[in-house]
Amino acid sequence: MNPQTRKDVILLPNTPSILGWASIAGKKEGQGPMGFCFDVIEPDSHFGKETWEQAESELQRRTVELMLSHARCTTAQVDAVFGGDLINQCTSATFGMRHLGIPFLGIYGACSTMAEGLLLSSLMVDGGHMQHCAAVTSSHFSGAERQFRFPLSYGGQRTPNAQWTATAAGSVMVGECSRPPYVRGVCIGCITDPAITDANNMGAAMAPAAADTILRYLMATHTSPADYDAIVTGDLGVVGSDLLLTLAAQNGYDLSAVHRDCGVMMFDNTTQDTHAGGSGCGCSASILCGYFLPKIAAGEIKNLLFAATGALLSPMLCQQGETIPCISHLVHLSFTTGGTL
């Protein structure tokens, strides 16, 4: 199977570079096992604003501005930014970006938004359409709870398989090939629907989408899990990660030695009471930018598949008994421009 003949798997001949990245996380996230890797840990969950939604917009703005300083780019040098979040109409991104003067493309992939934004940015640069293209996404625990579950004042009880939406954001700048990390290939996700209706069981709903995308990329590129130092998902949590390994094994692929999940990595479940782990757009985005990209840039990780996952649910449709369709987009990141593929 030649990946060049597939429309869903695209190898990037010009291997664009990720020129800069940044991550900001909230207090609870900073107290977890990944707290050491974030650029900034903000102790004020309101980020100096009056509402949770305004707080998330401020979180996105700060993260993009920090990323720009790391990439040594001005807003005028950015051709476009792909931005999204979990809130209706992607308002965290639109309100966060509205004063920066950067051409804006709003996207929605739920928790897969970082992979989608990085995928689209890489295609735009690799195709020669843009020189500098940014991606950003975020999530905020309190804003997500208000939209998808219950306001915090309700005092609702969380189920054991529920995940904790991370208050965090990540942003990257993609530019022409110059230094690692390089983007070697991408795989556009297909919508899967395992007929799950429980909005608290996101990991089980998203695992089939992750399995589908990862296996399609491996088959199209004639590679195996052993060709990668890490295959990173976000955010399946404990429940979804176990299911992913089972689904992959049923198709003849053993991911157990290289699989990492950002939802599992974000919190210490024994001390932070996050049940099945972390979730939210900002969970995988902040860990990608805070932990994995520096390791690729330093050569500690040579090849990595980043497959963020998203549950494309609507609270209204869930209340009407609809199932939860899911998606996973994949980006192949590398320390070199050649080798495995």
Protein backbone atom coordinates (compact mmCIF):
# COMPACT_ATOMS: atom_id res chain seq x y z
CA MET A 1 0.00 0.00 0.00
CA ASN A 2 1.56 3.26 -1.11
CA PRO A 3 0.80 6.13 1.31
CA GLN A 4 1.09 8.59 -1.55
CA THR A 5 -2.01 7.04 -3.16
CA ARG A 6 -4.13 7.43 -0.04
CA LYS A 7 -6.01 10.63 0.59
CA ASP A 8 -6.13 10.11 4.35
CA VAL A 9 -2.41 9.40 4.89
CA ILE A 10 -0.10 12.14 3.61
CA LEU A 11 3.70 12.12 3.78
CA LEU A 12 5.19 15.59 3.81
CA PRO A 13 8.15 15.77 1.39
CA ASN A 14 9.36 19.14 2.69
CA THR A 15 9.22 18.06 6.38
CA PRO A 16 8.23 21.37 7.98
CA SER A 17 9.70 22.24 11.36
CA ILE A 18 8.02 23.11 14.62
CA LEU A 19 9.86 26.35 15.34
CA GLY A 20 8.45 27.10 18.77
CA TRP A 21 5.96 25.91 21.32
CA ALA A 22 4.53 26.86 24.70
CA SER A 23 2.31 25.40 27.40
CA ILE A 24 0.44 26.91 30.34
CA ALA A 25 -1.40 24.87 32.96
CA GLY A 26 -3.58 25.46 36.00
CA LYS A 27 -2.78 24.84 39.65
CA LYS A 28 -4.12 21.26 39.84
CA GLU A 29 -2.26 20.31 36.66
CA GLY A 30 0.90 21.87 38.05
CA GLN A 31 0.61 19.71 41.15
CA GLY A 32 0.50 16.53 39.06
CA PRO A 33 3.40 14.43 37.75
CA MET A 34 3.76 16.60 34.61
CA GLY A 35 3.93 19.88 36.51
CA PHE A 36 7.69 20.17 35.95
CA CYS A 37 7.37 20.45 32.16
CA PHE A 38 4.91 23.33 31.68
CA ASP A 39 6.25 26.79 30.86
CA VAL A 40 3.86 28.50 33.28
CA ILE A 41 1.65 27.23 36.10
CA GLU A 42 -1.15 29.71 36.84
CA PRO A 43 -2.43 29.52 40.45
CA ASP A 44 -5.50 31.67 39.68
CA SER A 45 -8.09 29.55 37.85
CA HIS A 46 -9.86 32.77 36.83
CA PHE A 47 -6.68 34.08 35.14
CA GLY A 48 -7.58 37.51 36.46
CA LYS A 49 -10.99 37.51 34.75
CA GLU A 50 -14.59 37.44 35.99
CA THR A 51 -15.87 34.26 34.34
CA TRP A 52 -14.52 30.81 33.49
CA GLU A 53 -15.03 31.45 29.77
CA GLN A 54 -13.10 34.71 29.90
CA ALA A 55 -10.40 32.88 31.84
CA GLU A 56 -9.93 30.35 29.05
CA SER A 57 -9.70 33.06 26.41
CA GLU A 58 -7.01 34.73 28.49
CA LEU A 59 -5.25 31.37 28.81
CA GLN A 60 -5.17 30.97 25.02
CA ARG A 61 -3.93 34.51 24.43
CA ARG A 62 -1.10 34.15 26.92
CA THR A 63 -0.07 30.80 25.49
CA VAL A 64 0.10 32.09 21.92
CA GLU A 65 2.09 35.14 22.95
CA LEU A 66 4.53 32.97 24.90
CA MET A 67 4.88 30.63 21.93
CA LEU A 68 5.60 33.57 19.63
CA SER A 69 8.43 34.68 21.91
CA HIS A 70 9.88 31.16 21.92
CA ALA A 71 9.63 30.96 18.11
CA ARG A 72 11.07 34.49 17.81
CA CYS A 73 8.16 35.53 15.62
CA THR A 74 5.98 38.61 15.68
CA THR A 75 2.25 38.50 15.07
CA ALA A 76 2.87 40.15 11.69
CA GLN A 77 5.01 37.18 10.61
CA VAL A 78 2.25 34.63 11.27
CA ASP A 79 0.26 33.87 8.14
CA ALA A 80 -2.59 32.20 10.04
CA VAL A 81 -3.51 30.49 13.28
CA PHE A 82 -5.72 27.43 13.62
CA GLY A 83 -7.50 27.67 16.97
CA GLY A 84 -10.25 25.87 18.79
CA ASP A 85 -11.58 24.72 22.15
CA LEU A 86 -14.51 22.89 23.73
CA ILE A 87 -16.88 25.79 24.31
CA ASN A 88 -19.80 26.57 21.98
CA GLN A 89 -18.76 28.38 18.80
CA CYS A 90 -15.08 28.05 19.82
CA THR A 91 -15.39 31.32 21.73
CA SER A 92 -12.33 30.72 23.90
CA ALA A 93 -10.20 30.80 20.76
CA THR A 94 -12.03 33.59 18.96
CA PHE A 95 -12.15 35.91 21.97
CA GLY A 96 -8.56 35.04 22.88
CA MET A 97 -7.22 35.78 19.40
CA ARG A 98 -9.40 38.78 18.53
CA HIS A 99 -6.86 41.45 19.53
CA LEU A 100 -3.73 39.81 18.06
CA GLY A 101 -4.43 40.70 14.44
CA ILE A 102 -3.47 37.24 13.11
CA PRO A 103 -5.58 35.68 10.32
CA PHE A 104 -7.74 33.14 12.15
CA LEU A 105 -9.19 29.77 11.18
CA GLY A 106 -11.49 28.31 13.82
CA ILE A 107 -11.57 24.52 14.09
CA TYR A 108 -13.42 22.03 16.26
CA GLY A 109 -12.18 18.53 16.91
CA ALA A 110 -13.00 18.37 20.62
CA CYS A 111 -9.97 16.87 22.39
CA SER A 112 -8.36 16.08 19.02
CA THR A 113 -8.09 19.80 18.21
CA MET A 114 -4.33 20.06 18.81
CA ALA A 115 -3.59 17.24 16.38
CA GLU A 116 -6.01 18.73 13.86
CA GLY A 117 -4.49 22.20 14.12
CA LEU A 118 -0.93 20.87 13.87
CA LEU A 119 -1.93 18.67 10.92
CA LEU A 120 -3.51 21.58 9.03
CA SER A 121 -0.65 23.96 9.83
CA SER A 122 1.88 21.42 8.58
CA LEU A 123 -0.01 20.87 5.32
CA MET A 124 -0.22 24.61 4.69
CA VAL A 125 3.53 25.08 5.20
CA ASP A 126 4.58 21.91 3.38
CA GLY A 127 2.48 22.91 0.38
CA GLY A 128 4.17 26.30 0.20
CA HIS A 129 1.00 28.22 0.94
CA MET A 130 2.33 29.73 4.18
CA GLN A 131 5.72 30.34 5.78
CA HIS A 132 4.56 30.48 9.40
CA CYS A 133 1.36 28.85 10.60
CA ALA A 134 0.34 28.45 14.25
CA ALA A 135 -1.98 26.13 16.12
CA VAL A 136 -3.47 26.62 19.58
CA THR A 137 -6.08 24.99 21.76
CA SER A 138 -7.13 24.95 25.39
CA SER A 139 -9.62 23.65 27.91
CA HIS A 140 -10.81 24.82 31.31
CA PHE A 141 -12.23 22.47 33.91
CA SER A 142 -14.93 24.80 35.19
CA GLY A 143 -16.08 26.00 31.78
CA ALA A 144 -16.28 22.46 30.43
CA GLU A 145 -18.22 21.24 33.48
CA ARG A 146 -20.75 24.05 33.02
CA GLN A 147 -21.28 23.20 29.34
CA PHE A 148 -21.11 19.41 29.25
CA ARG A 149 -22.16 18.30 32.73
CA PHE A 150 -23.28 20.48 35.64
CA PRO A 151 -22.14 23.83 37.05
CA LEU A 152 -19.74 23.30 39.96
CA SER A 153 -22.26 24.76 42.40
CA TYR A 154 -24.57 21.83 41.63
CA GLY A 155 -22.23 19.48 43.52
CA GLY A 156 -22.82 16.52 41.21
CA GLN A 157 -21.05 13.21 41.80
CA ARG A 158 -18.62 11.94 39.17
CA THR A 159 -18.68 8.33 38.01
CA PRO A 160 -15.55 6.12 38.32
CA ASN A 161 -14.97 6.11 34.55
CA ALA A 162 -15.25 9.91 34.25
CA GLN A 163 -12.22 12.02 33.36
CA TRP A 164 -11.11 15.41 34.68
CA THR A 165 -10.97 18.21 32.12
CA ALA A 166 -7.54 19.82 32.34
CA THR A 167 -7.16 23.57 32.70
CA ALA A 168 -4.32 23.96 30.23
CA ALA A 169 -3.31 25.17 26.79
CA GLY A 170 -0.66 24.45 24.18
CA SER A 171 0.46 26.30 21.07
CA VAL A 172 2.97 25.58 18.29
CA MET A 173 4.48 27.43 15.34
CA VAL A 174 5.10 25.48 12.14
CA GLY A 175 7.59 26.82 9.61
CA GLU A 176 9.79 25.74 6.74
CA CYS A 177 12.23 22.88 7.31
CA SER A 178 15.14 24.09 9.45
CA ARG A 179 15.49 22.11 12.70
CA PRO A 180 13.76 19.39 14.70
CA PRO A 181 11.07 18.56 15.56
CA TYR A 182 10.08 17.82 11.97
CA VAL A 183 6.62 16.83 10.75
CA ARG A 184 7.03 13.75 8.56
CA GLY A 185 3.46 12.68 7.90
CA VAL A 186 -0.18 12.99 8.92
CA CYS A 187 -3.31 10.86 8.97
CA ILE A 188 -6.75 12.44 8.80
CA GLY A 189 -9.19 10.75 11.14
CA CYS A 190 -12.44 9.05 10.22
CA ILE A 191 -15.51 9.40 12.43
CA THR A 192 -16.22 6.24 14.41
CA ASP A 193 -19.27 5.51 16.53
CA PRO A 194 -19.14 2.59 18.99
CA ALA A 195 -22.74 3.39 20.03
CA ILE A 196 -21.83 4.67 23.50
CA THR A 197 -24.34 7.13 24.98
CA ASP A 198 -22.74 7.79 28.39
CA ALA A 199 -21.03 11.19 28.29
CA ASN A 200 -18.99 10.15 31.34
CA ASN A 201 -17.39 7.26 29.44
CA MET A 202 -15.32 9.26 26.97
CA GLY A 203 -12.30 6.93 26.99
CA ALA A 204 -14.29 3.92 25.79
CA ALA A 205 -16.05 6.04 23.17
CA MET A 206 -12.80 7.43 21.72
CA ALA A 207 -10.57 4.33 21.80
CA PRO A 208 -11.92 2.86 18.52
CA ALA A 209 -11.16 6.14 16.73
CA ALA A 210 -7.59 6.12 18.03
CA ALA A 211 -7.12 2.50 17.01
CA ASP A 212 -8.52 3.14 13.53
CA THR A 213 -6.24 6.13 12.82
CA ILE A 214 -3.06 4.63 14.28
CA LEU A 215 -3.48 1.32 12.47
CA ARG A 216 -4.31 3.04 9.17
CA TYR A 217 -1.07 5.02 9.40
CA LEU A 218 1.01 1.98 10.32
CA MET A 219 -0.46 -0.07 7.47
CA ALA A 220 -0.14 2.71 4.90
CA THR A 221 3.50 3.39 5.78
CA HIS A 222 4.47 -0.27 6.24
CA THR A 223 5.78 0.48 9.70
CA SER A 224 5.30 -1.24 13.04
CA PRO A 225 5.00 0.07 16.61
CA ALA A 226 8.68 -0.84 17.11
CA ASP A 227 9.64 1.85 14.57
CA TYR A 228 8.49 4.54 17.00
CA ASP A 229 9.79 5.57 20.40
CA ALA A 230 6.29 6.57 21.46
CA ILE A 231 2.74 6.39 20.15
CA VAL A 232 0.93 9.08 22.10
CA THR A 233 -2.82 9.37 22.47
CA GLY A 234 -4.88 12.06 24.11
CA ASP A 235 -6.98 11.69 26.01
CA LEU A 236 -8.19 8.15 26.45
CA GLY A 237 -7.50 7.96 30.17
CA VAL A 238 -7.18 4.66 31.98
CA VAL A 239 -10.31 3.03 30.56
CA GLY A 240 -9.74 4.06 26.96
CA SER A 241 -6.03 3.22 27.00
CA ASP A 242 -6.73 -0.35 28.03
CA LEU A 243 -9.34 -0.67 25.30
CA LEU A 244 -6.98 0.77 22.67
CA LEU A 245 -4.35 -1.86 23.44
CA THR A 246 -6.99 -4.58 23.20
CA LEU A 247 -8.34 -3.32 19.86
CA ALA A 248 -4.84 -3.02 18.40
CA ALA A 249 -3.91 -6.51 19.59
CA GLN A 250 -7.03 -7.93 17.96
CA ASN A 251 -5.71 -6.53 14.68
CA GLY A 252 -2.21 -7.93 15.15
CA TYR A 253 -0.45 -4.86 16.57
CA ASP A 254 1.13 -4.75 20.04
CA LEU A 255 1.26 -1.10 21.18
CA SER A 256 1.93 -1.84 24.84
CA ALA A 257 5.68 -1.10 24.77
CA VAL A 258 5.37 2.36 23.21
CA HIS A 259 1.89 3.65 24.03
CA ARG A 260 1.59 6.75 26.21
CA ASP A 261 -1.64 8.58 26.96
CA CYS A 262 -1.70 12.25 27.96
CA GLY A 263 -4.86 11.72 30.02
CA VAL A 264 -3.08 9.09 32.11
CA MET A 265 0.10 11.17 32.36
CA MET A 266 -1.50 14.46 33.46
CA PHE A 267 -2.64 13.56 36.99
CA ASP A 268 -1.68 11.27 39.86
CA ASN A 269 -4.93 9.43 40.39
CA THR A 270 -3.94 8.14 43.82
CA THR A 271 -3.51 11.63 45.25
CA GLN A 272 -5.54 13.91 42.95
CA ASP A 273 -8.84 11.98 42.69
CA THR A 274 -9.26 12.34 38.95
CA HIS A 275 -10.87 8.92 38.48
CA ALA A 276 -10.03 7.71 34.94
CA GLY A 277 -7.50 10.50 34.24
CA GLY A 278 -7.37 13.80 32.41
CA SER A 279 -9.16 15.04 29.30
CA GLY A 280 -9.90 18.25 27.43
CA CYS A 281 -8.26 19.97 24.44
CA GLY A 282 -5.56 21.43 26.66
CA CYS A 283 -4.51 18.10 28.17
CA SER A 284 -2.75 16.59 25.16
CA ALA A 285 -1.81 20.04 23.80
CA SER A 286 0.06 21.07 26.94
CA ILE A 287 1.82 17.71 27.38
CA LEU A 288 2.83 17.64 23.71
CA CYS A 289 4.30 21.14 24.02
CA GLY A 290 5.67 20.80 27.54
CA TYR A 291 7.03 17.26 27.51
CA PHE A 292 7.29 15.55 24.12
CA LEU A 293 8.41 18.34 21.76
CA PRO A 294 11.46 19.25 23.90
CA LYS A 295 12.47 15.58 23.96
CA ILE A 296 12.21 15.33 20.17
CA ALA A 297 14.17 18.56 19.72
CA ALA A 298 16.92 17.19 21.95
CA GLY A 299 17.05 13.86 20.14
CA GLU A 300 15.86 11.87 23.15
CA ILE A 301 12.87 10.77 21.06
CA LYS A 302 13.55 10.03 17.39
CA ASN A 303 10.09 9.16 16.07
CA LEU A 304 6.70 9.79 17.67
CA LEU A 305 3.10 9.43 16.55
CA PHE A 306 0.77 11.96 18.16
CA ALA A 307 -2.84 10.81 17.85
CA ALA A 308 -5.14 13.08 19.82
CA THR A 309 -8.75 11.91 20.13
CA GLY A 310 -12.02 13.81 20.33
CA ALA A 311 -15.60 12.99 21.29
CA LEU A 312 -17.81 15.00 18.96
CA LEU A 313 -20.75 15.08 21.33
CA SER A 314 -23.43 17.67 21.89
CA PRO A 315 -25.07 17.86 25.33
CA MET A 316 -28.44 18.42 23.69
CA LEU A 317 -28.12 15.38 21.41
CA CYS A 318 -26.92 13.24 24.31
CA GLN A 319 -30.05 14.23 26.21
CA GLN A 320 -32.04 13.10 23.17
CA GLY A 321 -30.43 9.65 23.38
CA GLU A 322 -27.92 10.09 20.54
CA THR A 323 -24.67 8.12 20.55
CA ILE A 324 -21.25 9.80 20.69
CA PRO A 325 -19.27 9.91 17.42
CA CYS A 326 -15.51 10.26 17.85
CA ILE A 327 -12.43 11.06 15.80
CA SER A 328 -8.64 10.90 16.04
CA HIS A 329 -6.12 12.79 13.91
CA LEU A 330 -2.45 11.76 13.77
CA VAL A 331 0.82 13.62 13.24
CA HIS A 332 4.19 11.90 12.82
CA LEU A 333 6.94 13.92 14.52
CA SER A 334 10.63 13.16 14.13
CA PHE A 335 14.15 14.23 15.09
CA THR A 336 15.30 13.65 11.50
CA THR A 337 13.96 14.33 8.02
CA GLY A 338 14.71 10.79 6.83
CA GLY A 339 14.87 7.26 8.15
CA THR A 340 11.86 5.17 9.11
CA LEU A 341 9.68 6.11 6.15
